[in-house]
Amino acid sequence: MMPVRRALLSVSDKTGLEPLAHALAAMGVEILSTGGTAEQLRQAGLTVTDVSDYTGFPEIMAGRVKTLHPKVHGGLLGRRGTDEAVMEAHAIAPIDLLVVNLYAFEQTVANPDCTLAEAIENIDIGGPAMLRAAAKNYAGVGVVTDPSQYPEVIEALQSDGELSENQRFALSVAAFNHVARYDAAISNYLSARAASQDEHPQRFPGQLNRVWQKVDDLRYGENPHQQAAFYRDPNAPASRFAHYQSAQGKALSYNNLVDADAAWACVNAFSEPACVIVKHANPCGVAVAADLSSAYEQAFATDPTSAFGGIIAFNQPLDAASAEAVLAQQFVEVILAPDFADAALSALAQKPNVRVLQMPSAASVEASWRLQPVAGGLLVQDEDTAIDSQVDWQTVSQARVEPALMDELDFVWRVAKSVKSNAIVYGRGGRTLAIGAGQMSRVDSARIGVRKAEDAGLSLLGSVMASDAFFPFRDGIDQAAEAGVRAIIQPGGSMRDDEVIAAADEHGIAMVFTGRRHFRH
C-alpha cells in the first residue's frame, strides 16, 4: 500500500483547488502549502502547514527561495522501503502527493507589452524541481500538474485509499511532459533575444523547441508500409485545423488529414457560401454560390473524375439538401464543415464510413508557422496568410478591367493560393472550370487545365486565368488565348514581363499584376 499521508499543494492555477484540498483533509491527509495557495486554503477553512514552518527555514528573496530545501526534496525523493532510516535521521517526513502547476510564463510573454525583466520573474524554479523529483520517485509519490486530473485522484483515494502504480506512472509522465513544455517555452522566448537582451525578439529563435501531443495512431502513413500518428500542438489556437471534432466515420488516414487540412484552408478564403473538393492536397473543384448545394454542384462539375474519393469542405453549416446532393453524386472520403444540421447528420449516417468532421470556427484563424521537415533538419516559415487587396493590383495591359471582371480575377486568385506550384486556375462566374497543378513547367499546367476542361465538357471561352507566380515566357499567354481566356491575373516580376504583356495585348487579353506570388510546394 502507498497511502497518502502528507500532500504539498502549491499552484499558480487555482481552479478546483478547494474541492481537492477539502477531499484530502476529509481523508486525514496533512496539507503543506506555500504563499497564495496556503492563504486561499486557510480562507476556505482548512488547516494548512506552511512549508517554511515544515522546513524551519523562511521564504526569502521575495519568495524566490521557499521549496528548495532538503526536507522538501528529501520528502519527495526518498525511496519507500530504502531511505526511511536516513529520512528519520534528518527529520525528513515523506511527502506522498505533490500538487503543483507552474507560473504562467507562456501567458505572461504572450502579452506584447511584456518586458524581459517581467518574463524572467515568471520563470518558475522551485516548481519544476519539485515536479521532477516527485515524477522520478513515482514508485512512492503521486504528482498532479493539472486541475483536470483532480477528480481521478480524489476518486482513487476515496475508493482505494491510494493511487495505483499505473496511475502514479501516468501522472509522472504527465509531469515530465508539463515541465518539458514549460522549459521549451522559456528556451524559445529567450533564444529569440539578441545577446544585447534586446526587448524586440527575432522572428525565429536561435533554438526552436516544439512540443506535440499525440491525438491518434493512424492506420498507416502515405502508404501501407509506413507507420504514422497524428499529433497536435498544445499551443495551437482553438481555431486551427487540428482541433477538429469527428462526428462519424472510419478512422482518419494520414492522407485524409493532409487533404482535409488543404481543403479547410482553401474554403476559408471565401466569405460567401463556398465548396472546395480536394484530391491529393490540390483543389480539383471550387465554387461560391447563393447556397452550399449550388456551390457543391458547380465545384463537382469542374472535375468529376478527380472528385471521386475526394475530401469536400464547406465554409458554412451543412444543410440536409447539400449533404444529400453529395451522397447522391459521388463517393466521398471526408466532409468538413463548421457545423451540421441535424437532418444533414441523419442523411450522412446512411453512409457510416464517410468521415464527418466538425471544424472550429475560422473567424479568428491566427497566423502561425509552416513546418517542413527535410532530412536531418526542419524548414520554418510564416504561413501564407497574406490577404491580397484589389486596391494594390495593377492593370498592365491595354485592355481595361471593369470591377465585375476584377471580382472574377479575385476568385481564381484566391483558389490559386491553395494549388501546388506551378499552379494555373481557369474560372468563370465564381467557379473553377479547370485546374493545372504541380507541374515542372508553367505552360504544362496551363495545357493540363485546358485538357481537363475538355474532359469535363466545359468551355473556357470568356474565362479568366490565375497563375500563382509570373510567366517566364509568353507561351502560357498564347495557350490562354487559344483556350479563349479574356483576362489573366499573376504576380508579375519576370525579366520578360514586357514580352508577356505584349503577348496579352496582341491577343486582346486583360492582364493584372498583384505584386505578390503564392508558391505552394
Protein backbone atom coordinates (compact mmCIF):
# COMPACT_ATOMS: atom_id res chain seq x y z
CA MET A 1 0.00 0.00 0.00
CA MET A 2 1.12 3.55 -0.81
CA PRO A 3 -1.24 5.63 1.32
CA VAL A 4 -1.23 9.41 1.07
CA ARG A 5 -0.38 10.78 4.48
CA ARG A 6 1.03 14.14 3.51
CA ALA A 7 0.43 16.35 0.46
CA LEU A 8 2.15 19.52 -0.70
CA LEU A 9 -0.11 21.90 -2.64
CA SER A 10 1.39 24.94 -4.41
CA VAL A 11 -0.39 26.04 -7.57
CA SER A 12 -0.49 29.02 -9.89
CA ASP A 13 -3.79 27.93 -11.45
CA LYS A 14 -6.15 27.57 -8.51
CA THR A 15 -9.02 26.02 -10.47
CA GLY A 16 -10.55 23.22 -8.41
CA LEU A 17 -8.06 23.74 -5.58
CA GLU A 18 -10.53 23.98 -2.69
CA PRO A 19 -12.59 20.84 -3.50
CA LEU A 20 -9.35 18.88 -3.85
CA ALA A 21 -7.97 20.13 -0.54
CA HIS A 22 -11.27 19.52 1.27
CA ALA A 23 -11.33 15.94 -0.05
CA LEU A 24 -7.75 15.36 1.13
CA ALA A 25 -8.43 16.86 4.53
CA ALA A 26 -11.52 14.67 4.94
CA MET A 27 -9.27 11.64 4.44
CA GLY A 28 -6.92 12.82 7.16
CA VAL A 29 -4.15 13.99 4.83
CA GLU A 30 -1.79 16.60 6.26
CA ILE A 31 -1.57 19.57 3.89
CA LEU A 32 1.62 21.56 3.31
CA SER A 33 1.44 24.70 1.22
CA THR A 34 3.05 28.00 0.26
CA GLY A 35 2.16 31.64 -0.30
CA GLY A 36 -1.11 32.42 -2.03
CA THR A 37 -2.16 28.78 -2.15
CA ALA A 38 -1.87 28.44 1.63
CA GLU A 39 -3.75 31.70 2.18
CA GLN A 40 -6.66 30.61 -0.03
CA LEU A 41 -6.89 27.25 1.70
CA ARG A 42 -6.99 28.85 5.12
CA GLN A 43 -9.73 31.21 3.98
CA ALA A 44 -11.63 28.08 2.91
CA GLY A 45 -11.44 26.83 6.49
CA LEU A 46 -8.70 24.27 6.03
CA THR A 47 -5.77 23.57 8.35
CA VAL A 48 -2.54 24.16 6.46
CA THR A 49 1.13 23.91 7.44
CA ASP A 50 3.37 26.46 5.75
CA VAL A 51 6.35 24.90 4.03
CA SER A 52 8.57 27.39 5.88
CA ASP A 53 7.30 26.02 9.21
CA TYR A 54 7.80 22.47 7.97
CA THR A 55 11.38 23.13 6.87
CA GLY A 56 12.26 25.56 9.65
CA PHE A 57 13.60 27.93 7.02
CA PRO A 58 11.73 31.10 5.97
CA GLU A 59 10.76 32.09 2.46
CA ILE A 60 13.43 34.54 1.29
CA MET A 61 14.25 36.75 -1.69
CA ALA A 62 10.60 37.73 -2.24
CA GLY A 63 9.58 34.08 -2.47
CA ARG A 64 12.30 33.03 -4.88
CA VAL A 65 13.56 30.51 -2.35
CA LYS A 66 10.91 28.60 -0.40
CA THR A 67 10.70 24.95 -1.52
CA LEU A 68 14.36 24.42 -2.44
CA HIS A 69 15.13 22.60 0.79
CA PRO A 70 16.30 19.06 1.70
CA LYS A 71 13.18 18.41 3.80
CA VAL A 72 11.02 19.09 0.72
CA HIS A 73 13.12 17.28 -1.84
CA GLY A 74 14.07 14.52 0.54
CA GLY A 75 10.38 14.00 1.29
CA LEU A 76 9.69 13.70 -2.43
CA LEU A 77 12.78 11.72 -3.47
CA GLY A 78 13.08 9.37 -0.52
CA ARG A 79 12.62 5.78 -1.71
CA ARG A 80 9.95 3.97 0.24
CA GLY A 81 11.44 0.81 1.76
CA THR A 82 15.01 2.03 1.24
CA ASP A 83 15.61 5.54 2.58
CA GLU A 84 13.48 5.59 5.76
CA ALA A 85 16.49 5.42 8.09
CA VAL A 86 18.27 8.41 6.55
CA MET A 87 14.96 10.33 6.36
CA GLU A 88 14.37 9.68 10.06
CA ALA A 89 17.92 10.71 10.94
CA HIS A 90 17.39 14.08 9.28
CA ALA A 91 13.77 14.58 10.36
CA ILE A 92 12.51 14.31 6.79
CA ALA A 93 8.85 13.34 6.59
CA PRO A 94 7.63 11.66 3.40
CA ILE A 95 5.51 13.74 1.03
CA ASP A 96 3.22 11.29 -0.72
CA LEU A 97 1.31 13.63 -3.03
CA LEU A 98 2.55 16.75 -4.83
CA VAL A 99 0.08 19.10 -6.48
CA VAL A 100 1.93 21.79 -8.44
CA ASN A 101 1.39 23.80 -11.56
CA LEU A 102 3.82 26.44 -12.67
CA TYR A 103 3.99 30.21 -13.02
CA ALA A 104 2.06 31.33 -16.09
CA PHE A 105 5.14 32.02 -18.19
CA GLU A 106 3.52 31.45 -21.58
CA GLN A 107 0.56 33.70 -20.78
CA THR A 108 2.91 36.37 -19.45
CA VAL A 109 5.12 36.55 -22.53
CA ALA A 110 2.08 36.40 -24.85
CA ASN A 111 1.37 39.97 -23.75
CA PRO A 112 3.04 42.20 -26.37
CA ASP A 113 3.95 44.69 -23.61
CA CYS A 114 5.81 42.08 -21.54
CA THR A 115 9.37 43.12 -20.77
CA LEU A 116 12.34 40.81 -20.49
CA ALA A 117 12.50 41.54 -16.74
CA GLU A 118 8.85 40.53 -16.31
CA ALA A 119 9.44 37.35 -18.27
CA ILE A 120 12.43 36.42 -16.12
CA GLU A 121 10.42 36.90 -12.91
CA ASN A 122 7.82 34.47 -14.24
CA ILE A 123 10.30 31.64 -14.68
CA ASP A 124 9.42 29.06 -12.03
CA ILE A 125 12.40 27.36 -10.38
CA GLY A 126 11.13 25.51 -7.33
CA GLY A 127 8.06 24.15 -9.07
CA PRO A 128 9.86 22.27 -11.87
CA ALA A 129 12.43 20.98 -9.38
CA MET A 130 9.68 19.51 -7.17
CA LEU A 131 7.81 18.08 -10.15
CA ARG A 132 10.90 16.34 -11.45
CA ALA A 133 11.68 14.94 -8.01
CA ALA A 134 8.17 13.59 -7.46
CA ALA A 135 7.90 12.27 -11.01
CA LYS A 136 11.22 10.46 -10.72
CA ASN A 137 10.02 8.83 -7.50
CA TYR A 138 6.61 7.81 -8.87
CA ALA A 139 7.05 4.42 -7.17
CA GLY A 140 6.13 6.13 -3.91
CA VAL A 141 4.77 9.57 -4.80
CA GLY A 142 1.79 10.82 -6.79
CA VAL A 143 2.34 14.04 -8.74
CA VAL A 144 -0.52 16.16 -10.07
CA THR A 145 0.02 19.02 -12.54
CA ASP A 146 -3.39 19.89 -13.94
CA PRO A 147 -6.83 20.53 -12.42
CA SER A 148 -8.32 18.09 -14.93
CA GLN A 149 -6.52 15.31 -13.01
CA TYR A 150 -8.10 16.17 -9.64
CA PRO A 151 -11.35 14.13 -9.98
CA GLU A 152 -9.48 10.93 -10.88
CA VAL A 153 -7.07 11.39 -7.96
CA ILE A 154 -9.87 12.08 -5.46
CA GLU A 155 -11.89 9.11 -6.69
CA ALA A 156 -8.93 6.72 -6.41
CA LEU A 157 -8.02 7.89 -2.91
CA GLN A 158 -11.60 7.74 -1.67
CA SER A 159 -12.26 4.28 -3.12
CA ASP A 160 -8.88 2.55 -2.74
CA GLY A 161 -7.01 4.72 -0.21
CA GLU A 162 -4.10 5.02 -2.62
CA LEU A 163 -3.09 5.69 -6.21
CA SER A 164 -2.23 2.57 -8.18
CA GLU A 165 1.22 2.15 -9.68
CA ASN A 166 -0.22 2.62 -13.15
CA GLN A 167 -1.89 5.86 -12.05
CA ARG A 168 1.31 7.15 -10.45
CA PHE A 169 3.31 6.31 -13.56
CA ALA A 170 0.81 8.06 -15.86
CA LEU A 171 0.85 11.13 -13.60
CA SER A 172 4.65 11.04 -13.61
CA VAL A 173 4.79 11.05 -17.41
CA ALA A 174 2.32 13.93 -17.49
CA ALA A 175 4.52 15.86 -15.05
CA PHE A 176 7.67 15.38 -17.10
CA ASN A 177 5.72 16.46 -20.21
CA HIS A 178 4.44 19.51 -18.35
CA VAL A 179 7.96 20.55 -17.36
CA ALA A 180 9.31 19.85 -20.86
CA ARG A 181 6.70 22.12 -22.42
CA TYR A 182 7.40 24.80 -19.83
CA ASP A 183 11.16 24.69 -20.41
CA ALA A 184 10.62 24.72 -24.18
CA ALA A 185 8.57 27.91 -23.91
CA ILE A 186 11.30 29.59 -21.86
CA SER A 187 14.03 28.48 -24.25
CA ASN A 188 12.10 29.69 -27.30
CA TYR A 189 11.44 33.07 -25.72
CA LEU A 190 14.99 33.68 -24.54
CA SER A 191 16.57 32.26 -27.71
CA ALA A 192 14.73 34.91 -29.72
CA ARG A 193 16.51 37.68 -27.79
CA ALA A 194 19.79 39.01 -29.07
CA ALA A 195 22.90 38.92 -26.88
CA SER A 196 22.22 42.58 -26.07
CA GLN A 197 18.97 41.50 -24.34
CA ASP A 198 17.02 43.50 -26.91
CA GLU A 199 13.36 43.72 -25.91
CA HIS A 200 12.34 43.14 -29.54
CA PRO A 201 12.57 39.43 -30.32
CA GLN A 202 13.88 37.93 -33.50
CA ARG A 203 11.18 36.32 -35.64
CA PHE A 204 12.82 32.90 -35.38
CA PRO A 205 14.64 31.87 -32.18
CA GLY A 206 18.21 30.61 -32.16
CA GLN A 207 16.89 27.28 -30.86
CA LEU A 208 13.39 26.11 -31.74
CA ASN A 209 11.69 23.74 -29.31
CA ARG A 210 8.28 22.34 -30.22
CA VAL A 211 6.03 20.12 -28.15
CA TRP A 212 3.42 17.86 -29.73
CA GLN A 213 0.78 15.72 -28.05
CA LYS A 214 -0.37 12.52 -29.73
CA VAL A 215 -4.02 12.51 -30.72
CA ASP A 216 -4.22 9.21 -32.61
CA ASP A 217 -2.22 6.37 -34.06
CA LEU A 218 -3.14 6.18 -37.74
CA ARG A 219 -3.73 3.00 -39.69
CA TYR A 220 -0.65 3.79 -41.77
CA GLY A 221 1.14 6.69 -43.42
CA GLU A 222 1.12 7.79 -47.04
CA ASN A 223 1.50 4.11 -47.95
CA PRO A 224 0.57 0.90 -46.09
CA HIS A 225 4.20 0.05 -45.30
CA GLN A 226 4.67 3.32 -43.38
CA GLN A 227 3.54 3.72 -39.78
CA ALA A 228 2.07 7.08 -38.75
CA ALA A 229 0.45 9.05 -35.94
CA PHE A 230 -1.28 12.42 -35.62
CA TYR A 231 0.00 14.96 -33.08
CA ARG A 232 -1.46 18.29 -32.00
CA ASP A 233 0.44 21.37 -30.92
CA PRO A 234 -0.88 22.09 -27.39
CA ASN A 235 -0.31 25.80 -28.04
CA ALA A 236 -2.37 25.81 -31.23
CA PRO A 237 -5.28 28.28 -31.04
CA ALA A 238 -8.71 26.67 -30.88
CA SER A 239 -9.39 27.97 -34.41
CA ARG A 240 -6.74 25.74 -36.00
CA PHE A 241 -7.50 22.68 -38.13
CA ALA A 242 -6.01 20.28 -35.57
CA HIS A 243 -8.92 20.96 -33.22
CA TYR A 244 -11.47 19.26 -35.48
CA GLN A 245 -14.12 17.04 -33.89
CA SER A 246 -15.09 13.77 -35.53
CA ALA A 247 -18.86 13.33 -35.83
CA GLN A 248 -18.88 9.95 -37.59
CA GLY A 249 -16.94 7.68 -39.88
CA LYS A 250 -13.94 5.37 -40.08
CA ALA A 251 -10.61 6.29 -38.55
CA LEU A 252 -8.85 9.04 -40.45
CA SER A 253 -5.79 8.16 -42.51
CA TYR A 254 -2.60 10.17 -42.99
CA ASN A 255 -3.67 11.24 -46.48
CA ASN A 256 -7.18 12.12 -45.25
CA LEU A 257 -5.68 14.60 -42.78
CA VAL A 258 -3.30 16.16 -45.31
CA ASP A 259 -6.12 16.65 -47.81
CA ALA A 260 -8.61 17.85 -45.19
CA ASP A 261 -6.16 20.48 -43.97
CA ALA A 262 -5.69 21.73 -47.54
CA ALA A 263 -9.45 21.78 -48.19
CA TRP A 264 -10.21 23.69 -45.00
CA ALA A 265 -7.55 26.32 -45.74
CA CYS A 266 -8.88 26.86 -49.26
CA VAL A 267 -12.59 27.07 -48.43
CA ASN A 268 -11.94 29.69 -45.78
CA ALA A 269 -10.55 32.04 -48.40
CA PHE A 270 -14.20 32.88 -49.18
CA SER A 271 -16.92 34.61 -47.17
CA GLU A 272 -19.89 33.69 -49.38
CA PRO A 273 -21.20 30.09 -49.37
CA ALA A 274 -18.34 28.02 -50.78
CA CYS A 275 -17.39 24.42 -51.52
CA VAL A 276 -13.92 23.02 -52.16
CA ILE A 277 -13.18 19.48 -53.32
CA VAL A 278 -9.57 18.34 -52.77
CA LYS A 279 -7.67 15.35 -54.11
CA HIS A 280 -4.05 14.71 -53.22
CA ALA A 281 -3.70 18.09 -51.47
CA ASN A 282 -4.86 20.03 -54.55
CA PRO A 283 -8.28 21.58 -55.14
CA CYS A 284 -9.94 19.87 -58.10
CA GLY A 285 -13.09 21.99 -57.88
CA VAL A 286 -14.02 25.23 -56.12
CA ALA A 287 -17.17 27.34 -56.31
CA VAL A 288 -19.08 30.06 -54.49
CA ALA A 289 -22.83 30.42 -54.90
CA ALA A 290 -26.02 31.59 -53.23
CA ASP A 291 -26.22 28.33 -51.27
CA LEU A 292 -23.97 25.37 -50.42
CA SER A 293 -25.83 22.91 -52.61
CA SER A 294 -25.29 25.04 -55.73
CA ALA A 295 -21.66 25.63 -54.75
CA TYR A 296 -21.12 21.88 -54.44
CA GLU A 297 -22.73 21.08 -57.79
CA GLN A 298 -20.51 23.62 -59.58
CA ALA A 299 -17.35 22.53 -57.74
CA PHE A 300 -18.05 18.89 -58.60
CA ALA A 301 -18.65 19.73 -62.28
CA THR A 302 -15.11 21.11 -62.60
CA ASP A 303 -13.52 17.66 -62.48
CA PRO A 304 -15.91 14.80 -61.65
CA THR A 305 -13.22 12.20 -62.26
CA SER A 306 -10.81 13.62 -59.72
CA ALA A 307 -13.61 14.36 -57.25
CA PHE A 308 -14.17 10.61 -56.81
CA GLY A 309 -12.93 9.69 -53.33
CA GLY A 310 -12.17 13.32 -52.58
CA ILE A 311 -12.35 15.47 -49.49
CA ILE A 312 -15.14 18.08 -49.51
CA ALA A 313 -15.10 21.22 -47.38
CA PHE A 314 -17.88 23.76 -46.81
CA ASN A 315 -17.39 27.11 -45.10
CA GLN A 316 -20.91 27.29 -43.64
CA PRO A 317 -23.07 24.86 -41.61
CA LEU A 318 -24.05 21.97 -43.85
CA ASP A 319 -27.77 21.58 -44.57
CA ALA A 320 -29.56 18.35 -45.41
CA ALA A 321 -30.04 19.18 -49.11
CA SER A 322 -26.30 19.70 -49.61
CA ALA A 323 -25.41 16.53 -47.72
CA GLU A 324 -27.87 14.53 -49.81
CA ALA A 325 -26.53 16.08 -53.02
CA VAL A 326 -23.01 14.91 -52.16
CA LEU A 327 -24.09 11.36 -51.33
CA ALA A 328 -26.18 11.10 -54.48
CA GLN A 329 -23.39 12.38 -56.70
CA GLN A 330 -20.15 10.73 -55.64
CA PHE A 331 -18.06 8.57 -53.34
CA VAL A 332 -16.55 10.85 -50.69
CA GLU A 333 -13.89 10.14 -48.06
CA VAL A 334 -14.29 13.15 -45.75
CA ILE A 335 -16.77 16.01 -45.37
CA LEU A 336 -15.79 19.09 -43.36
CA ALA A 337 -17.96 21.99 -42.21
CA PRO A 338 -18.10 24.36 -39.24
CA ASP A 339 -21.39 22.74 -38.18
CA PHE A 340 -24.04 20.31 -39.39
CA ALA A 341 -27.82 20.49 -39.30
CA ASP A 342 -29.37 17.51 -37.52
CA ALA A 343 -31.04 16.48 -40.77
CA ALA A 344 -27.68 16.62 -42.54
CA LEU A 345 -26.13 14.31 -39.92
CA SER A 346 -29.08 11.95 -40.33
CA ALA A 347 -28.53 11.85 -44.07
CA LEU A 348 -24.79 11.27 -43.69
CA ALA A 349 -25.40 8.49 -41.17
CA GLN A 350 -26.70 6.42 -44.09
CA LYS A 351 -23.04 6.17 -45.14
CA PRO A 352 -21.38 5.30 -41.83
CA ASN A 353 -17.90 5.00 -43.34
CA VAL A 354 -17.89 8.62 -44.51
CA ARG A 355 -15.76 10.66 -42.14
CA VAL A 356 -17.61 13.76 -40.96
CA LEU A 357 -15.53 16.46 -39.29
CA GLN A 358 -16.91 19.46 -37.44
CA MET A 359 -14.33 22.18 -37.77
CA PRO A 360 -13.50 25.00 -35.36
CA SER A 361 -14.71 28.47 -36.24
CA ALA A 362 -12.44 30.03 -38.82
CA ALA A 363 -13.49 33.57 -37.95
CA SER A 364 -10.43 34.10 -35.79
CA VAL A 365 -7.79 32.00 -37.55
CA GLU A 366 -4.39 33.17 -36.34
CA ALA A 367 -1.24 33.14 -38.42
CA SER A 368 1.35 30.61 -37.40
CA TRP A 369 4.43 28.91 -38.79
CA ARG A 370 4.52 26.32 -41.52
CA LEU A 371 6.97 23.50 -40.79
CA GLN A 372 8.58 21.37 -43.50
CA PRO A 373 10.91 18.54 -42.48
CA VAL A 374 13.99 17.83 -44.57
CA ALA A 375 16.49 15.04 -43.97
CA GLY A 376 18.14 15.93 -40.68
CA GLY A 377 16.50 19.33 -40.39
CA LEU A 378 13.44 21.50 -40.46
CA LEU A 379 12.39 24.45 -42.60
CA VAL A 380 10.28 27.03 -40.77
CA GLN A 381 8.38 29.86 -42.41
CA ASP A 382 5.40 32.10 -41.78
CA GLU A 383 2.15 30.70 -43.11
CA ASP A 384 0.99 32.30 -46.34
CA THR A 385 -1.99 34.11 -44.84
CA ALA A 386 -1.40 37.33 -46.77
CA ILE A 387 -4.63 38.95 -47.93
CA ASP A 388 -4.17 40.48 -51.35
CA SER A 389 -6.25 43.59 -51.95
CA GLN A 390 -7.55 44.67 -55.33
CA VAL A 391 -6.53 48.20 -54.35
CA ASP A 392 -2.87 47.18 -54.74
CA TRP A 393 -3.30 45.42 -58.08
CA GLN A 394 -2.11 46.99 -61.32
CA THR A 395 -3.65 46.57 -64.74
CA VAL A 396 -0.68 46.33 -67.13
CA SER A 397 -2.47 45.53 -70.39
CA GLN A 398 -4.09 47.84 -72.94
CA ALA A 399 -7.39 46.08 -72.25
CA ARG A 400 -9.04 47.57 -69.17
CA VAL A 401 -10.54 45.60 -66.29
CA GLU A 402 -14.02 46.54 -65.11
CA PRO A 403 -15.00 45.89 -61.46
CA ALA A 404 -17.03 42.79 -62.33
CA LEU A 405 -14.08 41.30 -64.17
CA MET A 406 -11.77 42.20 -61.29
CA ASP A 407 -14.02 40.18 -58.97
CA GLU A 408 -13.74 37.22 -61.35
CA LEU A 409 -9.96 37.52 -61.17
CA ASP A 410 -10.11 37.81 -57.40
CA PHE A 411 -11.90 34.46 -57.20
CA VAL A 412 -9.37 32.48 -59.25
CA TRP A 413 -6.51 34.25 -57.46
CA ARG A 414 -7.81 33.03 -54.09
CA VAL A 415 -8.02 29.49 -55.42
CA ALA A 416 -4.51 29.62 -56.90
CA LYS A 417 -3.04 30.21 -53.42
CA SER A 418 -4.11 26.68 -52.45
CA VAL A 419 -2.91 24.90 -55.60
CA LYS A 420 0.51 23.25 -55.75
CA SER A 421 3.03 25.06 -57.91
CA ASN A 422 3.20 25.51 -60.79
CA ALA A 423 -0.45 26.48 -60.43
CA ILE A 424 -2.87 27.56 -63.15
CA VAL A 425 -6.57 28.11 -62.41
CA TYR A 426 -9.28 28.78 -65.01
CA GLY A 427 -12.63 30.07 -63.80
CA ARG A 428 -15.79 31.99 -64.61
CA GLY A 429 -18.82 33.10 -62.64
CA GLY A 430 -17.47 32.25 -59.21
CA ARG A 431 -16.48 28.69 -60.06
CA THR A 432 -13.42 26.87 -61.31
CA LEU A 433 -13.51 25.45 -64.82
CA ALA A 434 -10.13 23.71 -64.76
CA ILE A 435 -7.01 23.50 -62.61
CA GLY A 436 -3.48 22.58 -63.62
CA ALA A 437 -1.20 21.82 -60.67
CA GLY A 438 2.22 20.64 -59.60
CA GLN A 439 3.97 20.67 -62.95
CA MET A 440 7.63 21.45 -63.57
CA SER A 441 6.64 23.82 -66.41
CA ARG A 442 4.00 26.52 -66.06
CA VAL A 443 2.84 26.12 -69.64
CA ASP A 444 2.29 22.40 -68.96
CA SER A 445 -0.03 23.34 -66.09
CA ALA A 446 -1.88 25.63 -68.49
CA ARG A 447 -2.20 22.84 -71.06
CA ILE A 448 -3.36 20.30 -68.48
CA GLY A 449 -6.07 22.73 -67.38
CA VAL A 450 -7.32 23.02 -70.96
CA ARG A 451 -7.41 19.25 -71.35
CA LYS A 452 -9.28 18.81 -68.07
CA ALA A 453 -11.89 21.36 -69.14
CA GLU A 454 -12.38 19.47 -72.39
CA ASP A 455 -12.73 16.18 -70.50
CA ALA A 456 -15.38 17.73 -68.26
CA GLY A 457 -17.22 19.24 -71.23
CA LEU A 458 -16.59 22.80 -70.04
CA SER A 459 -15.81 25.71 -72.33
CA LEU A 460 -13.05 28.12 -71.34
CA LEU A 461 -14.30 30.78 -73.73
CA GLY A 462 -14.59 34.03 -71.82
CA SER A 463 -12.92 32.58 -68.72
CA VAL A 464 -10.25 34.15 -66.53
CA MET A 465 -6.93 32.62 -65.52
CA ALA A 466 -4.74 32.86 -62.41
CA SER A 467 -1.08 31.93 -62.17
CA ASP A 468 0.49 31.67 -58.72
CA ALA A 469 3.80 33.05 -59.98
CA PHE A 470 4.97 35.02 -63.01
CA PHE A 471 5.01 33.67 -66.56
CA PRO A 472 8.67 33.23 -67.56
CA PHE A 473 7.76 33.19 -71.27
CA ARG A 474 4.84 34.20 -73.45
CA ASP A 475 3.89 30.58 -74.21
CA GLY A 476 1.50 30.46 -71.26
CA ILE A 477 -0.29 33.56 -72.59
CA ASP A 478 -0.53 32.05 -76.06
CA GLN A 479 -2.05 28.91 -74.54
CA ALA A 480 -4.57 31.02 -72.61
CA ALA A 481 -5.54 32.93 -75.75
CA GLU A 482 -6.04 29.70 -77.68
CA ALA A 483 -8.39 28.47 -74.94
CA GLY A 484 -10.47 31.67 -75.05
CA VAL A 485 -9.28 33.33 -71.81
CA ARG A 486 -10.21 37.02 -71.63
CA ALA A 487 -8.25 38.09 -68.54
CA ILE A 488 -5.21 36.88 -66.56
CA ILE A 489 -4.04 37.62 -63.03
CA GLN A 490 -0.47 36.94 -61.99
CA PRO A 491 2.20 38.44 -59.69
CA GLY A 492 4.48 39.82 -62.40
CA GLY A 493 8.19 40.21 -61.76
CA SER A 494 9.69 38.24 -64.64
CA MET A 495 12.62 39.61 -66.60
CA ARG A 496 10.36 39.00 -69.61
CA ASP A 497 7.32 40.85 -68.27
CA ASP A 498 7.40 43.19 -71.29
CA GLU A 499 7.26 40.22 -73.64
CA VAL A 500 4.40 38.66 -71.65
CA ILE A 501 2.41 41.92 -71.56
CA ALA A 502 2.96 42.37 -75.28
CA ALA A 503 1.56 38.87 -75.88
CA ALA A 504 -1.53 39.74 -73.82
CA ASP A 505 -2.03 42.93 -75.84
CA GLU A 506 -1.54 41.03 -79.07
CA HIS A 507 -4.38 38.67 -78.08
CA GLY A 508 -6.58 41.40 -76.57
CA ILE A 509 -6.35 39.83 -73.11
CA ALA A 510 -6.58 41.97 -69.99
CA MET A 511 -3.77 41.37 -67.51
CA VAL A 512 -3.43 42.29 -63.84
CA PHE A 513 -0.26 42.15 -61.73
CA THR A 514 -0.73 41.58 -58.00
CA GLY A 515 2.90 42.15 -56.99
CA ARG A 516 2.87 39.06 -54.75
CA ARG A 517 3.40 35.41 -55.64
CA HIS A 518 1.95 32.38 -53.81
CA PHE A 519 4.15 29.35 -54.40
CA ARG A 520 2.93 26.22 -52.63
CA HIS A 521 5.45 23.40 -52.78
